[in-house]
Amino acid sequence: MANHSNPSRLSDGVMVLMYLLILTVLWFFGDLFTFIVGLLVISGVFASGYNNNPANHEHH
Protein backbone atom coordinates (compact mmCIF):
# COMPACT_ATOMS: atom_id res chain seq x y z
CA MET A 1 0.00 0.00 0.00
CA ALA A 2 1.18 3.48 -0.79
CA ASN A 3 1.58 5.96 2.02
CA HIS A 4 -0.39 9.08 1.05
CA SER A 5 0.17 12.16 3.16
CA ASN A 6 -1.31 15.63 2.92
CA PRO A 7 1.01 18.17 1.32
CA SER A 8 2.24 20.82 3.72
CA ARG A 9 1.18 24.42 3.14
CA LEU A 10 3.82 27.01 2.25
CA SER A 11 4.18 29.97 4.57
CA ASP A 12 2.82 33.36 3.55
CA GLY A 13 6.32 34.81 3.28
CA VAL A 14 7.37 32.14 0.76
CA MET A 15 4.21 32.74 -1.26
CA VAL A 16 4.86 36.50 -1.41
CA LEU A 17 8.49 35.89 -2.37
CA MET A 18 7.45 33.54 -5.19
CA TYR A 19 4.87 36.09 -6.40
CA LEU A 20 7.44 38.90 -6.48
CA LEU A 21 10.03 36.68 -8.17
CA ILE A 22 7.60 35.74 -10.95
CA LEU A 23 6.64 39.40 -11.44
CA THR A 24 10.31 40.38 -11.58
CA VAL A 25 10.98 37.79 -14.28
CA LEU A 26 7.99 39.07 -16.27
CA TRP A 27 9.20 42.66 -15.90
CA PHE A 28 12.75 41.97 -17.12
CA PHE A 29 12.07 39.41 -19.85
CA GLY A 30 8.74 40.62 -21.24
CA ASP A 31 7.31 43.78 -22.67
CA LEU A 32 4.69 45.96 -20.97
CA PHE A 33 1.73 44.01 -22.38
CA THR A 34 3.20 40.69 -21.22
CA PHE A 35 3.83 42.14 -17.76
CA ILE A 36 0.27 43.46 -17.40
CA VAL A 37 -1.38 40.24 -18.61
CA GLY A 38 1.02 38.17 -16.49
CA LEU A 39 0.27 40.35 -13.45
CA LEU A 40 -3.45 39.70 -13.83
CA VAL A 41 -3.02 35.95 -14.40
CA ILE A 42 -0.51 35.40 -11.59
CA SER A 43 -2.59 37.51 -9.19
CA GLY A 44 -5.64 35.39 -9.98
CA VAL A 45 -3.72 32.15 -9.50
CA PHE A 46 -2.23 33.20 -6.17
CA ALA A 47 -5.54 34.67 -4.93
CA SER A 48 -7.48 31.51 -5.75
CA GLY A 49 -4.84 29.30 -4.14
CA TYR A 50 -4.71 31.28 -0.93
CA ASN A 51 -6.12 29.35 2.04
CA ASN A 52 -7.80 31.73 4.47
CA ASN A 53 -8.96 29.08 6.97
CA PRO A 54 -6.69 30.09 9.90
CA ALA A 55 -8.15 33.61 9.80
CA ASN A 56 -11.69 32.28 10.15
CA HIS A 57 -11.19 30.94 13.66
CA GLU A 58 -12.94 32.83 16.43
CA HIS A 59 -10.65 34.76 18.71
CA HIS A 60 -11.69 35.28 22.33
C-alpha atoms as a PDB file:
ATOM      1  CA  MET A   1       0.000   0.000   0.000  1.00  0.00           C
ATOM      2  CA  ALA A   2       1.182   3.484  -0.794  1.00  0.00           C
ATOM      3  CA  ASN A   3       1.578   5.961   2.016  1.00  0.00           C
ATOM      4  CA  HIS A   4      -0.388   9.080   1.046  1.00  0.00           C
ATOM      5  CA  SER A   5       0.165  12.161   3.158  1.00  0.00           C
ATOM      6  CA  ASN A   6      -1.309  15.626   2.920  1.00  0.00           C
ATOM      7  CA  PRO A   7       1.013  18.172   1.319  1.00  0.00           C
ATOM      8  CA  SER A   8       2.240  20.818   3.716  1.00  0.00           C
ATOM      9  CA  ARG A   9       1.184  24.422   3.141  1.00  0.00           C
ATOM     10  CA  LEU A  10       3.818  27.012   2.251  1.00  0.00           C
ATOM     11  CA  SER A  11       4.185  29.971   4.575  1.00  0.00           C
ATOM     12  CA  ASP A  12       2.821  33.359   3.549  1.00  0.00           C
ATOM     13  CA  GLY A  13       6.325  34.805   3.280  1.00  0.00           C
ATOM     14  CA  VAL A  14       7.368  32.139   0.764  1.00  0.00           C
ATOM     15  CA  MET A  15       4.208  32.744  -1.264  1.00  0.00           C
ATOM     16  CA  VAL A  16       4.855  36.501  -1.411  1.00  0.00           C
ATOM     17  CA  LEU A  17       8.488  35.894  -2.367  1.00  0.00           C
ATOM     18  CA  MET A  18       7.446  33.540  -5.194  1.00  0.00           C
ATOM     19  CA  TYR A  19       4.872  36.086  -6.402  1.00  0.00           C
ATOM     20  CA  LEU A  20       7.437  38.899  -6.483  1.00  0.00           C
ATOM     21  CA  LEU A  21      10.026  36.676  -8.165  1.00  0.00           C
ATOM     22  CA  ILE A  22       7.599  35.741 -10.951  1.00  0.00           C
ATOM     23  CA  LEU A  23       6.642  39.395 -11.440  1.00  0.00           C
ATOM     24  CA  THR A  24      10.311  40.384 -11.583  1.00  0.00           C
ATOM     25  CA  VAL A  25      10.975  37.785 -14.277  1.00  0.00           C
ATOM     26  CA  LEU A  26       7.986  39.069 -16.266  1.00  0.00           C
ATOM     27  CA  TRP A  27       9.205  42.657 -15.896  1.00  0.00           C
ATOM     28  CA  PHE A  28      12.751  41.971 -17.117  1.00  0.00           C
ATOM     29  CA  PHE A  29      12.069  39.408 -19.851  1.00  0.00           C
ATOM     30  CA  GLY A  30       8.744  40.624 -21.237  1.00  0.00           C
ATOM     31  CA  ASP A  31       7.310  43.778 -22.670  1.00  0.00           C
ATOM     32  CA  LEU A  32       4.687  45.956 -20.973  1.00  0.00           C
ATOM     33  CA  PHE A  33       1.732  44.011 -22.382  1.00  0.00           C
ATOM     34  CA  THR A  34       3.199  40.689 -21.218  1.00  0.00           C
ATOM     35  CA  PHE A  35       3.825  42.139 -17.757  1.00  0.00           C
ATOM     36  CA  ILE A  36       0.270  43.464 -17.400  1.00  0.00           C
ATOM     37  CA  VAL A  37      -1.376  40.238 -18.614  1.00  0.00           C
ATOM     38  CA  GLY A  38       1.016  38.170 -16.492  1.00  0.00           C
ATOM     39  CA  LEU A  39       0.270  40.345 -13.454  1.00  0.00           C
ATOM     40  CA  LEU A  40      -3.451  39.695 -13.829  1.00  0.00           C
ATOM     41  CA  VAL A  41      -3.025  35.953 -14.395  1.00  0.00           C
ATOM     42  CA  ILE A  42      -0.513  35.402 -11.594  1.00  0.00           C
ATOM     43  CA  SER A  43      -2.588  37.513  -9.189  1.00  0.00           C
ATOM     44  CA  GLY A  44      -5.638  35.389  -9.978  1.00  0.00           C
ATOM     45  CA  VAL A  45      -3.719  32.149  -9.501  1.00  0.00           C
ATOM     46  CA  PHE A  46      -2.234  33.204  -6.168  1.00  0.00           C
ATOM     47  CA  ALA A  47      -5.539  34.665  -4.929  1.00  0.00           C
ATOM     48  CA  SER A  48      -7.481  31.508  -5.753  1.00  0.00           C
ATOM     49  CA  GLY A  49      -4.842  29.298  -4.144  1.00  0.00           C
ATOM     50  CA  TYR A  50      -4.710  31.283  -0.926  1.00  0.00           C
ATOM     51  CA  ASN A  51      -6.116  29.355   2.036  1.00  0.00           C
ATOM     52  CA  ASN A  52      -7.799  31.731   4.472  1.00  0.00           C
ATOM     53  CA  ASN A  53      -8.960  29.078   6.974  1.00  0.00           C
ATOM     54  CA  PRO A  54      -6.695  30.086   9.895  1.00  0.00           C
ATOM     55  CA  ALA A  55      -8.146  33.612   9.801  1.00  0.00           C
ATOM     56  CA  ASN A  56     -11.685  32.278  10.146  1.00  0.00           C
ATOM     57  CA  HIS A  57     -11.186  30.945  13.663  1.00  0.00           C
ATOM     58  CA  GLU A  58     -12.939  32.826  16.425  1.00  0.00           C
ATOM     59  CA  HIS A  59     -10.649  34.764  18.708  1.00  0.00           C
ATOM     60  CA  HIS A  60     -11.686  35.278  22.328  1.00  0.00           C
END
